[in-house]
Amino acid sequence: MGHEVRPGFLDLRETGPGTYSFLWKKPSGGEIEIQIAPVFPKECQVSTPDRQLLSPGAVIVRGTVSCPGGLSGKTIAIAGLEATVTDVLVRLHPADGRLESHLLRPSTPSVTLGGSPPLPSGR
C-alpha cells in the first residue's frame, strides 16, 4: 500500500502594519514524522507560544510574525520540504482584503510573496 500524502498548510493574516498572525499545520501521524517547518526572512521576528496542538494527522502551531515593511517581496521557504513528497499550501491575507495562494512542492520549496499581482478572482 502506498503512503498517503497530506499537505502542509501555512496561513498568514496581516493584523497590523508588518505584523501577521499565522497558523502552521504540519502533517503527522505517518510511519515517519515529516520534519518540515516554515522559514521566515531573517529580519522578521517570529513569536510562537510554546503550545502545539496535536490534532489527528497534524501538528498545529499558531503564532505571530513581525516583518519590517511587511512580507510583500520577501521569500518564505519550507525547510526540509525537498526531502519529502509533501506539498504545502501557503496563503497570505494582506490587510487590503486580497488573497494570495501558493502551492510549494519539494522541487520549489520557497516563494516570494507579493511578487506578482494576484489573478483576478472574477468577482
PDB file of N, CA and C in Angstrom:
ATOM      1  N   MET A   1       0.850  -1.189   0.000  1.00  0.00           N
ATOM      2  CA  MET A   1       0.000   0.000   0.000  1.00  0.00           C
ATOM      3  C   MET A   1       0.884   1.236   0.000  1.00  0.00           C
ATOM      4  N   GLY A   2       0.643   2.191  -0.888  1.00  0.00           N
ATOM      5  CA  GLY A   2       1.435   3.422  -0.926  1.00  0.00           C
ATOM      6  C   GLY A   2       1.113   4.279   0.284  1.00  0.00           C
ATOM      7  N   HIS A   3       2.036   5.176   0.636  1.00  0.00           N
ATOM      8  CA  HIS A   3       1.701   6.025   1.776  1.00  0.00           C
ATOM      9  C   HIS A   3       0.966   7.266   1.300  1.00  0.00           C
ATOM     10  N   GLU A   4       0.057   7.714   2.137  1.00  0.00           N
ATOM     11  CA  GLU A   4      -0.751   8.862   1.753  1.00  0.00           C
ATOM     12  C   GLU A   4       0.065  10.135   1.905  1.00  0.00           C
ATOM     13  N   VAL A   5      -0.237  11.091   1.080  1.00  0.00           N
ATOM     14  CA  VAL A   5       0.459  12.364   1.140  1.00  0.00           C
ATOM     15  C   VAL A   5      -0.521  13.403   1.647  1.00  0.00           C
ATOM     16  N   ARG A   6      -0.228  13.952   2.812  1.00  0.00           N
ATOM     17  CA  ARG A   6      -1.087  15.009   3.350  1.00  0.00           C
ATOM     18  C   ARG A   6      -0.335  16.320   3.205  1.00  0.00           C
ATOM     19  N   PRO A   7      -0.998  17.334   2.690  1.00  0.00           N
ATOM     20  CA  PRO A   7      -0.306  18.611   2.525  1.00  0.00           C
ATOM     21  C   PRO A   7      -0.123  19.348   3.845  1.00  0.00           C
ATOM     22  N   GLY A   8       0.911  20.174   3.888  1.00  0.00           N
ATOM     23  CA  GLY A   8       1.064  21.123   4.985  1.00  0.00           C
ATOM     24  C   GLY A   8       0.305  22.394   4.624  1.00  0.00           C
ATOM     25  N   PHE A   9       0.144  23.274   5.606  1.00  0.00           N
ATOM     26  CA  PHE A   9      -0.649  24.479   5.379  1.00  0.00           C
ATOM     27  C   PHE A   9      -0.080  25.609   6.230  1.00  0.00           C
ATOM     28  N   LEU A  10       0.225  26.733   5.581  1.00  0.00           N
ATOM     29  CA  LEU A  10       0.692  27.926   6.293  1.00  0.00           C
ATOM     30  C   LEU A  10      -0.233  29.071   5.917  1.00  0.00           C
ATOM     31  N   ASP A  11      -0.936  29.611   6.911  1.00  0.00           N
ATOM     32  CA  ASP A  11      -1.905  30.676   6.679  1.00  0.00           C
ATOM     33  C   ASP A  11      -1.419  31.929   7.409  1.00  0.00           C
ATOM     34  N   LEU A  12      -1.230  33.020   6.678  1.00  0.00           N
ATOM     35  CA  LEU A  12      -0.731  34.281   7.239  1.00  0.00           C
ATOM     36  C   LEU A  12      -1.782  35.362   7.070  1.00  0.00           C
ATOM     37  N   ARG A  13      -2.135  36.015   8.172  1.00  0.00           N
ATOM     38  CA  ARG A  13      -3.135  37.093   8.120  1.00  0.00           C
ATOM     39  C   ARG A  13      -2.522  38.365   8.668  1.00  0.00           C
ATOM     40  N   GLU A  14      -2.543  39.420   7.849  1.00  0.00           N
ATOM     41  CA  GLU A  14      -1.985  40.702   8.298  1.00  0.00           C
ATOM     42  C   GLU A  14      -2.912  41.307   9.348  1.00  0.00           C
ATOM     43  N   THR A  15      -2.378  41.532  10.554  1.00  0.00           N
ATOM     44  CA  THR A  15      -3.184  42.068  11.648  1.00  0.00           C
ATOM     45  C   THR A  15      -2.836  43.518  11.955  1.00  0.00           C
ATOM     46  N   GLY A  16      -1.732  44.003  11.394  1.00  0.00           N
ATOM     47  CA  GLY A  16      -1.294  45.376  11.584  1.00  0.00           C
ATOM     48  C   GLY A  16      -0.130  45.610  10.652  1.00  0.00           C
ATOM     49  N   PRO A  17       0.385  46.836  10.584  1.00  0.00           N
ATOM     50  CA  PRO A  17       1.494  47.107   9.658  1.00  0.00           C
ATOM     51  C   PRO A  17       2.684  46.176   9.938  1.00  0.00           C
ATOM     52  N   GLY A  18       2.987  45.309   8.968  1.00  0.00           N
ATOM     53  CA  GLY A  18       4.129  44.416   9.091  1.00  0.00           C
ATOM     54  C   GLY A  18       3.961  43.292  10.099  1.00  0.00           C
ATOM     55  N   THR A  19       2.745  43.112  10.632  1.00  0.00           N
ATOM     56  CA  THR A  19       2.510  42.067  11.633  1.00  0.00           C
ATOM     57  C   THR A  19       1.455  41.089  11.123  1.00  0.00           C
ATOM     58  N   TYR A  20       1.729  39.817  11.293  1.00  0.00           N
ATOM     59  CA  TYR A  20       0.852  38.769  10.768  1.00  0.00           C
ATOM     60  C   TYR A  20       0.628  37.719  11.836  1.00  0.00           C
ATOM     61  N   SER A  21      -0.595  37.227  11.932  1.00  0.00           N
ATOM     62  CA  SER A  21      -0.820  36.033  12.743  1.00  0.00           C
ATOM     63  C   SER A  21      -0.691  34.860  11.777  1.00  0.00           C
ATOM     64  N   PHE A  22      -0.133  33.764  12.254  1.00  0.00           N
ATOM     65  CA  PHE A  22      -0.018  32.621  11.355  1.00  0.00           C
ATOM     66  C   PHE A  22      -0.494  31.344  12.014  1.00  0.00           C
ATOM     67  N   LEU A  23      -0.920  30.433  11.152  1.00  0.00           N
ATOM     68  CA  LEU A  23      -1.294  29.089  11.557  1.00  0.00           C
ATOM     69  C   LEU A  23      -0.467  28.153  10.687  1.00  0.00           C
ATOM     70  N   TRP A  24       0.310  27.280  11.315  1.00  0.00           N
ATOM     71  CA  TRP A  24       1.141  26.315  10.590  1.00  0.00           C
ATOM     72  C   TRP A  24       0.624  24.935  10.935  1.00  0.00           C
ATOM     73  N   LYS A  25       0.232  24.203   9.924  1.00  0.00           N
ATOM     74  CA  LYS A  25      -0.300  22.861  10.117  1.00  0.00           C
ATOM     75  C   LYS A  25       0.624  21.880   9.421  1.00  0.00           C
ATOM     76  N   LYS A  26       1.293  21.062  10.206  1.00  0.00           N
ATOM     77  CA  LYS A  26       2.262  20.102   9.660  1.00  0.00           C
ATOM     78  C   LYS A  26       1.666  18.711   9.716  1.00  0.00           C
ATOM     79  N   PRO A  27       1.660  18.000   8.581  1.00  0.00           N
ATOM     80  CA  PRO A  27       1.128  16.639   8.600  1.00  0.00           C
ATOM     81  C   PRO A  27       1.926  15.780   9.582  1.00  0.00           C
ATOM     82  N   SER A  28       1.236  14.899  10.289  1.00  0.00           N
ATOM     83  CA  SER A  28       1.949  13.979  11.175  1.00  0.00           C
ATOM     84  C   SER A  28       1.154  12.694  11.282  1.00  0.00           C
ATOM     85  N   GLY A  29       1.703  11.745  12.016  1.00  0.00           N
ATOM     86  CA  GLY A  29       0.968  10.522  12.245  1.00  0.00           C
ATOM     87  C   GLY A  29       1.277   9.412  11.258  1.00  0.00           C
ATOM     88  N   GLY A  30       2.160   9.676  10.299  1.00  0.00           N
ATOM     89  CA  GLY A  30       2.576   8.602   9.395  1.00  0.00           C
ATOM     90  C   GLY A  30       3.610   7.731  10.092  1.00  0.00           C
ATOM     91  N   GLU A  31       4.155   6.759   9.358  1.00  0.00           N
ATOM     92  CA  GLU A  31       5.186   5.914   9.958  1.00  0.00           C
ATOM     93  C   GLU A  31       6.407   6.758  10.290  1.00  0.00           C
ATOM     94  N   ILE A  32       6.696   7.727   9.440  1.00  0.00           N
ATOM     95  CA  ILE A  32       7.859   8.596   9.652  1.00  0.00           C
ATOM     96  C   ILE A  32       7.358  10.014   9.867  1.00  0.00           C
ATOM     97  N   GLU A  33       7.818  10.639  10.937  1.00  0.00           N
ATOM     98  CA  GLU A  33       7.428  12.027  11.204  1.00  0.00           C
ATOM     99  C   GLU A  33       8.085  12.931  10.154  1.00  0.00           C
ATOM    100  N   ILE A  34       7.292  13.745   9.495  1.00  0.00           N
ATOM    101  CA  ILE A  34       7.815  14.659   8.482  1.00  0.00           C
ATOM    102  C   ILE A  34       8.436  15.860   9.193  1.00  0.00           C
ATOM    103  N   GLN A  35       9.687  16.130   8.909  1.00  0.00           N
ATOM    104  CA  GLN A  35      10.379  17.251   9.547  1.00  0.00           C
ATOM    105  C   GLN A  35      10.414  18.437   8.588  1.00  0.00           C
ATOM    106  N   ILE A  36       9.349  19.224   8.593  1.00  0.00           N
ATOM    107  CA  ILE A  36       9.318  20.431   7.771  1.00  0.00           C
ATOM    108  C   ILE A  36       8.874  21.582   8.664  1.00  0.00           C
ATOM    109  N   ALA A  37       9.329  22.781   8.322  1.00  0.00           N
ATOM    110  CA  ALA A  37       8.968  23.958   9.113  1.00  0.00           C
ATOM    111  C   ALA A  37       9.118  25.193   8.248  1.00  0.00           C
ATOM    112  N   PRO A  38       8.243  26.194   8.469  1.00  0.00           N
ATOM    113  CA  PRO A  38       8.367  27.434   7.701  1.00  0.00           C
ATOM    114  C   PRO A  38       9.602  28.206   8.130  1.00  0.00           C
ATOM    115  N   VAL A  39      10.251  28.831   7.155  1.00  0.00           N
ATOM    116  CA  VAL A  39      11.407  29.689   7.423  1.00  0.00           C
ATOM    117  C   VAL A  39      11.046  31.085   6.931  1.00  0.00           C
ATOM    118  N   PHE A  40      10.983  32.025   7.869  1.00  0.00           N
ATOM    119  CA  PHE A  40      10.640  33.402   7.523  1.00  0.00           C
ATOM    120  C   PHE A  40      11.916  34.188   7.254  1.00  0.00           C
ATOM    121  N   PRO A  41      11.819  35.331   6.543  1.00  0.00           N
ATOM    122  CA  PRO A  41      13.008  36.152   6.289  1.00  0.00           C
ATOM    123  C   PRO A  41      13.714  36.496   7.602  1.00  0.00           C
ATOM    124  N   LYS A  42      15.056  36.591   7.535  1.00  0.00           N
ATOM    125  CA  LYS A  42      15.828  36.738   8.783  1.00  0.00           C
ATOM    126  C   LYS A  42      15.538  38.027   9.525  1.00  0.00           C
ATOM    127  N   GLU A  43      15.028  39.055   8.825  1.00  0.00           N
ATOM    128  CA  GLU A  43      14.722  40.308   9.528  1.00  0.00           C
ATOM    129  C   GLU A  43      13.383  40.242  10.276  1.00  0.00           C
ATOM    130  N   CYS A  44      12.652  39.155  10.100  1.00  0.00           N
ATOM    131  CA  CYS A  44      11.354  39.009  10.759  1.00  0.00           C
ATOM    132  C   CYS A  44      11.518  38.399  12.149  1.00  0.00           C
ATOM    133  N   GLN A  45      10.679  38.836  13.074  1.00  0.00           N
ATOM    134  CA  GLN A  45      10.649  38.283  14.418  1.00  0.00           C
ATOM    135  C   GLN A  45       9.456  37.334  14.512  1.00  0.00           C
ATOM    136  N   VAL A  46       9.725  36.088  14.881  1.00  0.00           N
ATOM    137  CA  VAL A  46       8.657  35.100  14.997  1.00  0.00           C
ATOM    138  C   VAL A  46       8.404  34.810  16.467  1.00  0.00           C
ATOM    139  N   SER A  47       7.151  34.831  16.855  1.00  0.00           N
ATOM    140  CA  SER A  47       6.781  34.537  18.231  1.00  0.00           C
ATOM    141  C   SER A  47       5.756  33.417  18.222  1.00  0.00           C
ATOM    142  N   THR A  48       6.109  32.282  18.825  1.00  0.00           N
ATOM    143  CA  THR A  48       5.148  31.186  18.938  1.00  0.00           C
ATOM    144  C   THR A  48       5.022  30.836  20.404  1.00  0.00           C
ATOM    145  N   PRO A  49       3.847  30.983  20.932  1.00  0.00           N
ATOM    146  CA  PRO A  49       3.641  30.491  22.294  1.00  0.00           C
ATOM    147  C   PRO A  49       4.020  29.013  22.262  1.00  0.00           C
ATOM    148  N   ASP A  50       4.611  28.492  23.338  1.00  0.00           N
ATOM    149  CA  ASP A  50       5.125  27.136  23.201  1.00  0.00           C
ATOM    150  C   ASP A  50       4.049  26.070  23.267  1.00  0.00           C
ATOM    151  N   ARG A  51       2.854  26.413  22.912  1.00  0.00           N
ATOM    152  CA  ARG A  51       1.812  25.391  22.835  1.00  0.00           C
ATOM    153  C   ARG A  51       1.701  24.896  21.399  1.00  0.00           C
ATOM    154  N   GLN A  52       1.759  23.599  21.250  1.00  0.00           N
ATOM    155  CA  GLN A  52       1.471  22.983  19.964  1.00  0.00           C
ATOM    156  C   GLN A  52       0.235  22.147  20.160  1.00  0.00           C
ATOM    157  N   LEU A  53      -0.674  22.232  19.224  1.00  0.00           N
ATOM    158  CA  LEU A  53      -1.904  21.479  19.318  1.00  0.00           C
ATOM    159  C   LEU A  53      -1.777  20.263  18.409  1.00  0.00           C
ATOM    160  N   LEU A  54      -1.918  19.091  18.982  1.00  0.00           N
ATOM    161  CA  LEU A  54      -1.889  17.893  18.148  1.00  0.00           C
ATOM    162  C   LEU A  54      -3.311  17.519  17.807  1.00  0.00           C
ATOM    163  N   SER A  55      -3.597  17.498  16.522  1.00  0.00           N
ATOM    164  CA  SER A  55      -4.915  17.056  16.088  1.00  0.00           C
ATOM    165  C   SER A  55      -4.671  15.786  15.288  1.00  0.00           C
ATOM    166  N   PRO A  56      -5.691  15.000  15.034  1.00  0.00           N
ATOM    167  CA  PRO A  56      -5.457  13.763  14.275  1.00  0.00           C
ATOM    168  C   PRO A  56      -4.809  14.083  12.929  1.00  0.00           C
ATOM    169  N   GLY A  57      -3.633  13.527  12.704  1.00  0.00           N
ATOM    170  CA  GLY A  57      -2.967  13.694  11.422  1.00  0.00           C
ATOM    171  C   GLY A  57      -2.182  14.980  11.256  1.00  0.00           C
ATOM    172  N   ALA A  58      -2.108  15.815  12.294  1.00  0.00           N
ATOM    173  CA  ALA A  58      -1.394  17.084  12.111  1.00  0.00           C
ATOM    174  C   ALA A  58      -0.908  17.643  13.446  1.00  0.00           C
ATOM    175  N   VAL A  59       0.144  18.446  13.344  1.00  0.00           N
ATOM    176  CA  VAL A  59       0.594  19.264  14.461  1.00  0.00           C
ATOM    177  C   VAL A  59       0.293  20.704  14.053  1.00  0.00           C
ATOM    178  N   ILE A  60      -0.369  21.455  14.938  1.00  0.00           N
ATOM    179  CA  ILE A  60      -0.782  22.817  14.604  1.00  0.00           C
ATOM    180  C   ILE A  60      -0.054  23.802  15.514  1.00  0.00           C
ATOM    181  N   VAL A  61       0.589  24.787  14.909  1.00  0.00           N
ATOM    182  CA  VAL A  61       1.291  25.820  15.669  1.00  0.00           C
ATOM    183  C   VAL A  61       0.705  27.166  15.259  1.00  0.00           C
ATOM    184  N   ARG A  62       0.388  27.992  16.257  1.00  0.00           N
ATOM    185  CA  ARG A  62      -0.096  29.341  15.983  1.00  0.00           C
ATOM    186  C   ARG A  62       0.911  30.331  16.542  1.00  0.00           C
ATOM    187  N   GLY A  63       1.035  31.473  15.902  1.00  0.00           N
ATOM    188  CA  GLY A  63       1.952  32.480  16.410  1.00  0.00           C
ATOM    189  C   GLY A  63       1.798  33.771  15.640  1.00  0.00           C
ATOM    190  N   THR A  64       2.769  34.644  15.845  1.00  0.00           N
ATOM    191  CA  THR A  64       2.784  35.899  15.096  1.00  0.00           C
ATOM    192  C   THR A  64       4.176  36.086  14.512  1.00  0.00           C
ATOM    193  N   VAL A  65       4.219  36.799  13.404  1.00  0.00           N
ATOM    194  CA  VAL A  65       5.495  37.140  12.780  1.00  0.00           C
ATOM    195  C   VAL A  65       5.438  38.627  12.434  1.00  0.00           C
ATOM    196  N   SER A  66       6.490  39.345  12.816  1.00  0.00           N
ATOM    197  CA  SER A  66       6.579  40.779  12.523  1.00  0.00           C
ATOM    198  C   SER A  66       7.748  41.012  11.584  1.00  0.00           C
ATOM    199  N   CYS A  67       7.453  41.642  10.449  1.00  0.00           N
ATOM    200  CA  CYS A  67       8.477  41.903   9.443  1.00  0.00           C
ATOM    201  C   CYS A  67       8.473  43.387   9.118  1.00  0.00           C
ATOM    202  N   PRO A  68       9.617  44.066   9.289  1.00  0.00           N
ATOM    203  CA  PRO A  68       9.679  45.480   8.914  1.00  0.00           C
ATOM    204  C   PRO A  68       9.282  45.639   7.442  1.00  0.00           C
ATOM    205  N   GLY A  69       8.292  46.477   7.181  1.00  0.00           N
ATOM    206  CA  GLY A  69       7.873  46.696   5.800  1.00  0.00           C
ATOM    207  C   GLY A  69       6.935  45.632   5.262  1.00  0.00           C
ATOM    208  N   GLY A  70       6.569  44.658   6.089  1.00  0.00           N
ATOM    209  CA  GLY A  70       5.632  43.631   5.636  1.00  0.00           C
ATOM    210  C   GLY A  70       6.306  42.499   4.882  1.00  0.00           C
ATOM    211  N   LEU A  71       5.515  41.564   4.390  1.00  0.00           N
ATOM    212  CA  LEU A  71       6.043  40.366   3.719  1.00  0.00           C
ATOM    213  C   LEU A  71       6.097  40.495   2.206  1.00  0.00           C
ATOM    214  N   SER A  72       5.494  41.543   1.647  1.00  0.00           N
ATOM    215  CA  SER A  72       5.484  41.672   0.195  1.00  0.00           C
ATOM    216  C   SER A  72       6.907  41.784  -0.331  1.00  0.00           C
ATOM    217  N   GLY A  73       7.230  40.970  -1.338  1.00  0.00           N
ATOM    218  CA  GLY A  73       8.559  40.981  -1.921  1.00  0.00           C
ATOM    219  C   GLY A  73       9.563  40.143  -1.148  1.00  0.00           C
ATOM    220  N   LYS A  74       9.136  39.537  -0.035  1.00  0.00           N
ATOM    221  CA  LYS A  74      10.034  38.706   0.760  1.00  0.00           C
ATOM    222  C   LYS A  74       9.747  37.231   0.500  1.00  0.00           C
ATOM    223  N   THR A  75      10.748  36.406   0.788  1.00  0.00           N
ATOM    224  CA  THR A  75      10.647  34.986   0.479  1.00  0.00           C
ATOM    225  C   THR A  75      10.414  34.166   1.740  1.00  0.00           C
ATOM    226  N   ILE A  76       9.470  33.252   1.653  1.00  0.00           N
ATOM    227  CA  ILE A  76       9.217  32.273   2.708  1.00  0.00           C
ATOM    228  C   ILE A  76       9.548  30.912   2.124  1.00  0.00           C
ATOM    229  N   ALA A  77      10.256  30.103   2.909  1.00  0.00           N
ATOM    230  CA  ALA A  77      10.617  28.756   2.466  1.00  0.00           C
ATOM    231  C   ALA A  77      10.079  27.747   3.473  1.00  0.00           C
ATOM    232  N   ILE A  78       9.985  26.512   3.039  1.00  0.00           N
ATOM    233  CA  ILE A  78       9.625  25.423   3.952  1.00  0.00           C
ATOM    234  C   ILE A  78      10.852  24.525   4.064  1.00  0.00           C
ATOM    235  N   ALA A  79      11.537  24.610   5.203  1.00  0.00           N
ATOM    236  CA  ALA A  79      12.757  23.828   5.409  1.00  0.00           C
ATOM    237  C   ALA A  79      12.417  22.345   5.451  1.00  0.00           C
ATOM    238  N   GLY A  80      13.207  21.543   4.749  1.00  0.00           N
ATOM    239  CA  GLY A  80      13.014  20.098   4.761  1.00  0.00           C
ATOM    240  C   GLY A  80      12.050  19.596   3.704  1.00  0.00           C
ATOM    241  N   LEU A  81      11.361  20.516   3.017  1.00  0.00           N
ATOM    242  CA  LEU A  81      10.330  20.094   2.055  1.00  0.00           C
ATOM    243  C   LEU A  81      10.924  19.282   0.904  1.00  0.00           C
ATOM    244  N   GLU A  82      12.147  19.660   0.482  1.00  0.00           N
ATOM    245  CA  GLU A  82      12.737  18.984  -0.673  1.00  0.00           C
ATOM    246  C   GLU A  82      13.021  17.504  -0.389  1.00  0.00           C
ATOM    247  N   ALA A  83      13.025  17.106   0.888  1.00  0.00           N
ATOM    248  CA  ALA A  83      13.285  15.704   1.240  1.00  0.00           C
ATOM    249  C   ALA A  83      11.993  14.911   1.420  1.00  0.00           C
ATOM    250  N   THR A  84      10.855  15.510   1.054  1.00  0.00           N
ATOM    251  CA  THR A  84       9.563  14.843   1.260  1.00  0.00           C
ATOM    252  C   THR A  84       8.836  14.679  -0.064  1.00  0.00           C
ATOM    253  N   VAL A  85       7.656  14.082  -0.003  1.00  0.00           N
ATOM    254  CA  VAL A  85       6.753  14.036  -1.164  1.00  0.00           C
ATOM    255  C   VAL A  85       5.512  14.862  -0.858  1.00  0.00           C
ATOM    256  N   THR A  86       5.650  15.791   0.079  1.00  0.00           N
ATOM    257  CA  THR A  86       4.526  16.585   0.560  1.00  0.00           C
ATOM    258  C   THR A  86       4.487  17.943  -0.128  1.00  0.00           C
ATOM    259  N   ASP A  87       3.298  18.474  -0.329  1.00  0.00           N
ATOM    260  CA  ASP A  87       3.127  19.853  -0.785  1.00  0.00           C
ATOM    261  C   ASP A  87       2.700  20.691   0.414  1.00  0.00           C
ATOM    262  N   VAL A  88       2.943  21.985   0.331  1.00  0.00           N
ATOM    263  CA  VAL A  88       2.492  22.897   1.383  1.00  0.00           C
ATOM    264  C   VAL A  88       1.750  24.049   0.714  1.00  0.00           C
ATOM    265  N   LEU A  89       0.531  24.299   1.172  1.00  0.00           N
ATOM    266  CA  LEU A  89      -0.240  25.435   0.688  1.00  0.00           C
ATOM    267  C   LEU A  89       0.084  26.641   1.566  1.00  0.00           C
ATOM    268  N   VAL A  90       0.528  27.726   0.945  1.00  0.00           N
ATOM    269  CA  VAL A  90       0.818  28.971   1.668  1.00  0.00           C
ATOM    270  C   VAL A  90      -0.235  29.984   1.249  1.00  0.00           C
ATOM    271  N   ARG A  91      -0.935  30.553   2.231  1.00  0.00           N
ATOM    272  CA  ARG A  91      -1.943  31.579   1.936  1.00  0.00           C
ATOM    273  C   ARG A  91      -1.602  32.837   2.702  1.00  0.00           C
ATOM    274  N   LEU A  92      -1.641  33.963   1.997  1.00  0.00           N
ATOM    275  CA  LEU A  92      -1.381  35.268   2.609  1.00  0.00           C
ATOM    276  C   LEU A  92      -2.633  36.119   2.444  1.00  0.00           C
ATOM    277  N   HIS A  93      -3.095  36.665   3.582  1.00  0.00           N
ATOM    278  CA  HIS A  93      -4.264  37.556   3.573  1.00  0.00           C
ATOM    279  C   HIS A  93      -3.778  38.947   3.959  1.00  0.00           C
ATOM    280  N   PRO A  94      -3.392  39.803   2.975  1.00  0.00           N
ATOM    281  CA  PRO A  94      -2.979  41.162   3.312  1.00  0.00           C
ATOM    282  C   PRO A  94      -4.164  41.952   3.877  1.00  0.00           C
ATOM    283  N   ALA A  95      -3.855  43.045   4.559  1.00  0.00           N
ATOM    284  CA  ALA A  95      -4.898  43.862   5.186  1.00  0.00           C
ATOM    285  C   ALA A  95      -5.864  44.449   4.158  1.00  0.00           C
ATOM    286  N   ASP A  96      -5.452  44.524   2.886  1.00  0.00           N
ATOM    287  CA  ASP A  96      -6.335  45.138   1.873  1.00  0.00           C
ATOM    288  C   ASP A  96      -7.406  44.176   1.369  1.00  0.00           C
ATOM    289  N   GLY A  97      -7.465  42.971   1.953  1.00  0.00           N
ATOM    290  CA  GLY A  97      -8.554  42.072   1.607  1.00  0.00           C
ATOM    291  C   GLY A  97      -8.266  41.109   0.464  1.00  0.00           C
ATOM    292  N   ARG A  98      -7.102  41.243  -0.185  1.00  0.00           N
ATOM    293  CA  ARG A  98      -6.778  40.291  -1.246  1.00  0.00           C
ATOM    294  C   ARG A  98      -6.430  38.945  -0.621  1.00  0.00           C
ATOM    295  N   LEU A  99      -6.325  37.928  -1.446  1.00  0.00           N
ATOM    296  CA  LEU A  99      -5.850  36.625  -1.002  1.00  0.00           C
ATOM    297  C   LEU A  99      -4.789  36.172  -1.988  1.00  0.00           C
ATOM    298  N   GLU A 100      -3.648  35.776  -1.462  1.00  0.00           N
ATOM    299  CA  GLU A 100      -2.567  35.274  -2.299  1.00  0.00           C
ATOM    300  C   GLU A 100      -2.326  33.828  -1.887  1.00  0.00           C
ATOM    301  N   SER A 101      -2.357  32.910  -2.841  1.00  0.00           N
ATOM    302  CA  SER A 101      -2.151  31.488  -2.535  1.00  0.00           C
ATOM    303  C   SER A 101      -1.015  30.931  -3.371  1.00  0.00           C
ATOM    304  N   HIS A 102      -0.207  30.089  -2.752  1.00  0.00           N
ATOM    305  CA  HIS A 102       0.905  29.442  -3.452  1.00  0.00           C
ATOM    306  C   HIS A 102       0.971  27.995  -2.999  1.00  0.00           C
ATOM    307  N   LEU A 103       1.268  27.104  -3.936  1.00  0.00           N
ATOM    308  CA  LEU A 103       1.472  25.707  -3.579  1.00  0.00           C
ATOM    309  C   LEU A 103       2.963  25.421  -3.699  1.00  0.00           C
ATOM    310  N   LEU A 104       3.587  25.122  -2.565  1.00  0.00           N
ATOM    311  CA  LEU A 104       5.013  24.808  -2.574  1.00  0.00           C
ATOM    312  C   LEU A 104       5.179  23.297  -2.645  1.00  0.00           C
ATOM    313  N   ARG A 105       6.149  22.880  -3.442  1.00  0.00           N
ATOM    314  CA  ARG A 105       6.403  21.453  -3.658  1.00  0.00           C
ATOM    315  C   ARG A 105       7.868  21.160  -3.321  1.00  0.00           C
ATOM    316  N   PRO A 106       8.223  19.872  -3.194  1.00  0.00           N
ATOM    317  CA  PRO A 106       9.628  19.555  -2.915  1.00  0.00           C
ATOM    318  C   PRO A 106      10.590  20.175  -3.933  1.00  0.00           C
ATOM    319  N   SER A 107      10.161  20.332  -5.191  1.00  0.00           N
ATOM    320  CA  SER A 107      11.041  20.921  -6.205  1.00  0.00           C
ATOM    321  C   SER A 107      11.059  22.448  -6.138  1.00  0.00           C
ATOM    322  N   THR A 108      10.064  23.059  -5.513  1.00  0.00           N
ATOM    323  CA  THR A 108      10.000  24.515  -5.355  1.00  0.00           C
ATOM    324  C   THR A 108       9.592  24.831  -3.923  1.00  0.00           C
ATOM    325  N   PRO A 109      10.550  24.699  -2.962  1.00  0.00           N
ATOM    326  CA  PRO A 109      10.187  24.815  -1.551  1.00  0.00           C
ATOM    327  C   PRO A 109      10.131  26.240  -1.008  1.00  0.00           C
ATOM    328  N   SER A 110      10.178  27.246  -1.904  1.00  0.00           N
ATOM    329  CA  SER A 110      10.080  28.618  -1.407  1.00  0.00           C
ATOM    330  C   SER A 110       9.259  29.464  -2.371  1.00  0.00           C
ATOM    331  N   VAL A 111       8.791  30.618  -1.865  1.00  0.00           N
ATOM    332  CA  VAL A 111       8.003  31.522  -2.695  1.00  0.00           C
ATOM    333  C   VAL A 111       8.296  32.953  -2.255  1.00  0.00           C
ATOM    334  N   THR A 112       8.335  33.859  -3.228  1.00  0.00           N
ATOM    335  CA  THR A 112       8.439  35.279  -2.915  1.00  0.00           C
ATOM    336  C   THR A 112       7.028  35.845  -2.933  1.00  0.00           C
ATOM    337  N   LEU A 113       6.612  36.377  -1.795  1.00  0.00           N
ATOM    338  CA  LEU A 113       5.238  36.855  -1.660  1.00  0.00           C
ATOM    339  C   LEU A 113       5.062  38.217  -2.312  1.00  0.00           C
ATOM    340  N   GLY A 114       3.890  38.449  -2.854  1.00  0.00           N
ATOM    341  CA  GLY A 114       3.573  39.737  -3.441  1.00  0.00           C
ATOM    342  C   GLY A 114       4.394  40.054  -4.658  1.00  0.00           C
ATOM    343  N   GLY A 115       5.071  39.039  -5.208  1.00  0.00           N
ATOM    344  CA  GLY A 115       5.946  39.269  -6.351  1.00  0.00           C
ATOM    345  C   GLY A 115       5.175  39.553  -7.629  1.00  0.00           C
ATOM    346  N   SER A 116       3.981  38.975  -7.738  1.00  0.00           N
ATOM    347  CA  SER A 116       3.188  39.205  -8.936  1.00  0.00           C
ATOM    348  C   SER A 116       1.788  39.578  -8.499  1.00  0.00           C
ATOM    349  N   PRO A 117       1.119  40.403  -9.294  1.00  0.00           N
ATOM    350  CA  PRO A 117      -0.237  40.776  -8.899  1.00  0.00           C
ATOM    351  C   PRO A 117      -1.114  39.527  -8.886  1.00  0.00           C
ATOM    352  N   PRO A 118      -2.024  39.418  -7.933  1.00  0.00           N
ATOM    353  CA  PRO A 118      -2.881  38.245  -7.876  1.00  0.00           C
ATOM    354  C   PRO A 118      -3.788  38.167  -9.094  1.00  0.00           C
ATOM    355  N   LEU A 119      -4.163  36.961  -9.455  1.00  0.00           N
ATOM    356  CA  LEU A 119      -5.073  36.779 -10.584  1.00  0.00           C
ATOM    357  C   LEU A 119      -6.437  37.333 -10.191  1.00  0.00           C
ATOM    358  N   PRO A 120      -7.137  37.944 -11.163  1.00  0.00           N
ATOM    359  CA  PRO A 120      -8.476  38.445 -10.841  1.00  0.00           C
ATOM    360  C   PRO A 120      -9.353  37.274 -10.417  1.00  0.00           C
ATOM    361  N   SER A 121     -10.180  37.487  -9.408  1.00  0.00           N
ATOM    362  CA  SER A 121     -10.963  36.384  -8.879  1.00  0.00           C
ATOM    363  C   SER A 121     -12.352  36.315  -9.491  1.00  0.00           C
ATOM    364  N   GLY A 122     -12.621  37.112 -10.497  1.00  0.00           N
ATOM    365  CA  GLY A 122     -13.891  37.019 -11.216  1.00  0.00           C
ATOM    366  C   GLY A 122     -15.079  37.529 -10.426  1.00  0.00           C
ATOM    367  N   ARG A 123     -14.822  38.356  -9.384  1.00  0.00           N
ATOM    368  CA  ARG A 123     -15.969  38.871  -8.627  1.00  0.00           C
ATOM    369  C   ARG A 123     -16.508  40.114  -9.272  1.00  0.00           C
TER     370      ARG A 123
END
